[in-house]
Amino acid sequence: MNIIRPIASLKMTALRRQPGYLEECLRVGKVTGEGQAQLVEFTPEQFQDIRRRFQISNFKSQIPKPGLGDRVHAVAGPIGRALHWPCLKGDGTTDLKPGSPCDKIRTQLNRL
């Protein structure tokens, strides 16, 4: 029985694996569907070979780990948006204004 993976899932996995993982999956596997519904079909041997060659443990993750400031901002940002906090850009997001006091504190907390 063949292994079928959504392309979105392979893209997320590619962030944790060595460079070239996604390209190899698309080259080896059979791509079906269109847009977000694209699927890639592998034989079990092909899938195991790709997983073996692009092991997670051999490559440092490309996903940056959030610092303390980013974690605090993830909680406080939506609250600040609801309160119309002046440190936010004011465009409906939780993005901070560059150079604002809140952004400086977030940066300092990330350095801890």
Protein backbone atom coordinates (compact mmCIF):
# COMPACT_ATOMS: atom_id res chain seq x y z
CA MET A 1 0.00 0.00 0.00
CA ASN A 2 1.39 3.36 -1.03
CA ILE A 3 1.96 6.28 1.35
CA ILE A 4 0.13 9.53 0.58
CA ARG A 5 1.09 12.86 2.16
CA PRO A 6 -0.41 16.34 1.65
CA ILE A 7 2.05 18.82 0.18
CA ALA A 8 1.41 21.22 3.10
CA SER A 9 2.54 18.51 5.52
CA LEU A 10 5.73 17.91 3.53
CA LYS A 11 6.47 21.66 3.54
CA MET A 12 6.22 21.76 7.35
CA THR A 13 8.40 18.67 7.67
CA ALA A 14 10.97 20.25 5.33
CA LEU A 15 11.59 22.99 7.92
CA ARG A 16 12.96 20.36 10.32
CA ARG A 17 14.95 18.33 7.82
CA GLN A 18 18.06 18.89 5.77
CA PRO A 19 17.86 21.24 2.76
CA GLY A 20 16.52 19.58 -0.36
CA TYR A 21 13.96 17.36 1.41
CA LEU A 22 10.88 18.89 -0.22
CA GLU A 23 12.47 18.97 -3.67
CA GLU A 24 13.41 15.29 -3.36
CA CYS A 25 9.88 14.37 -2.25
CA LEU A 26 8.42 16.14 -5.28
CA ARG A 27 10.97 14.55 -7.61
CA VAL A 28 10.50 10.99 -6.36
CA GLY A 29 6.80 11.01 -5.47
CA LYS A 30 3.79 11.19 -7.77
CA VAL A 31 2.01 14.57 -7.36
CA THR A 32 -1.77 14.58 -7.73
CA GLY A 33 -4.43 17.25 -7.22
CA GLU A 34 -4.26 21.03 -7.47
CA GLY A 35 -3.62 23.96 -5.15
CA GLN A 36 -3.95 23.24 -1.43
CA ALA A 37 -5.38 19.80 -2.18
CA GLN A 38 -2.14 18.53 -3.74
CA LEU A 39 -1.01 15.13 -2.53
CA VAL A 40 2.26 13.28 -3.03
CA GLU A 41 2.18 9.49 -3.32
CA PHE A 42 5.20 7.31 -2.50
CA THR A 43 5.92 3.63 -2.43
CA PRO A 44 6.94 2.53 1.09
CA GLU A 45 10.52 2.00 -0.12
CA GLN A 46 10.75 5.51 -1.61
CA PHE A 47 9.33 7.08 1.55
CA GLN A 48 11.71 5.22 3.86
CA ASP A 49 14.70 6.05 1.64
CA ILE A 50 13.90 9.80 1.72
CA ARG A 51 13.36 9.73 5.49
CA ARG A 52 16.69 7.94 5.97
CA ARG A 53 18.64 10.35 3.74
CA PHE A 54 17.09 13.49 5.25
CA GLN A 55 17.14 12.62 8.93
CA ILE A 56 16.04 15.27 11.41
CA SER A 57 18.88 14.63 13.84
CA ASN A 58 21.58 15.52 11.29
CA PHE A 59 20.38 19.08 10.75
CA LYS A 60 19.70 22.00 13.06
CA SER A 61 16.08 23.12 12.78
CA GLN A 62 15.35 26.19 10.62
CA ILE A 63 12.43 27.06 12.88
CA PRO A 64 13.64 29.71 15.33
CA LYS A 65 12.78 29.05 18.94
CA PRO A 66 10.83 31.95 20.43
CA GLY A 67 12.53 33.86 23.21
CA LEU A 68 10.92 34.98 26.44
CA GLY A 69 9.94 38.33 24.89
CA ASP A 70 8.19 36.64 21.97
CA ARG A 71 6.32 34.35 24.34
CA VAL A 72 5.16 37.25 26.51
CA HIS A 73 4.13 39.16 23.38
CA ALA A 74 2.12 36.16 22.14
CA VAL A 75 -0.02 36.44 25.28
CA ALA A 76 0.00 40.22 25.75
CA GLY A 77 -0.33 41.19 22.07
CA PRO A 78 -4.02 40.25 21.65
CA ILE A 79 -4.83 41.95 24.95
CA GLY A 80 -3.00 45.10 23.83
CA ARG A 81 -4.86 45.05 20.51
CA ALA A 82 -8.20 44.89 22.34
CA LEU A 83 -7.15 47.82 24.55
CA HIS A 84 -5.73 49.80 21.59
CA TRP A 85 -2.30 49.87 23.22
CA PRO A 86 -0.10 52.65 21.76
CA CYS A 87 2.91 50.34 21.23
CA LEU A 88 1.08 48.43 18.49
CA LYS A 89 1.18 49.50 14.85
CA GLY A 90 -2.58 50.03 14.82
CA ASP A 91 -3.20 48.07 11.63
CA GLY A 92 -5.33 45.42 13.35
CA THR A 93 -2.42 43.06 14.01
CA THR A 94 -0.39 42.51 17.16
CA ASP A 95 2.80 43.78 15.51
CA LEU A 96 4.78 46.25 17.60
CA LYS A 97 5.98 49.61 16.34
CA PRO A 98 9.74 49.37 15.74
CA GLY A 99 11.60 51.26 18.46
CA SER A 100 8.58 51.51 20.76
CA PRO A 101 9.14 50.87 24.49
CA CYS A 102 7.26 47.56 24.21
CA ASP A 103 9.46 46.45 21.31
CA LYS A 104 12.61 47.34 23.28
CA ILE A 105 11.38 45.30 26.26
CA ARG A 106 10.52 42.36 24.00
CA THR A 107 14.03 42.50 22.49
CA GLN A 108 15.66 42.63 25.93
CA LEU A 109 13.61 39.68 27.18
CA ASN A 110 14.61 37.68 24.09
CA ARG A 111 18.27 38.13 25.07
CA LEU A 112 17.79 36.41 28.45
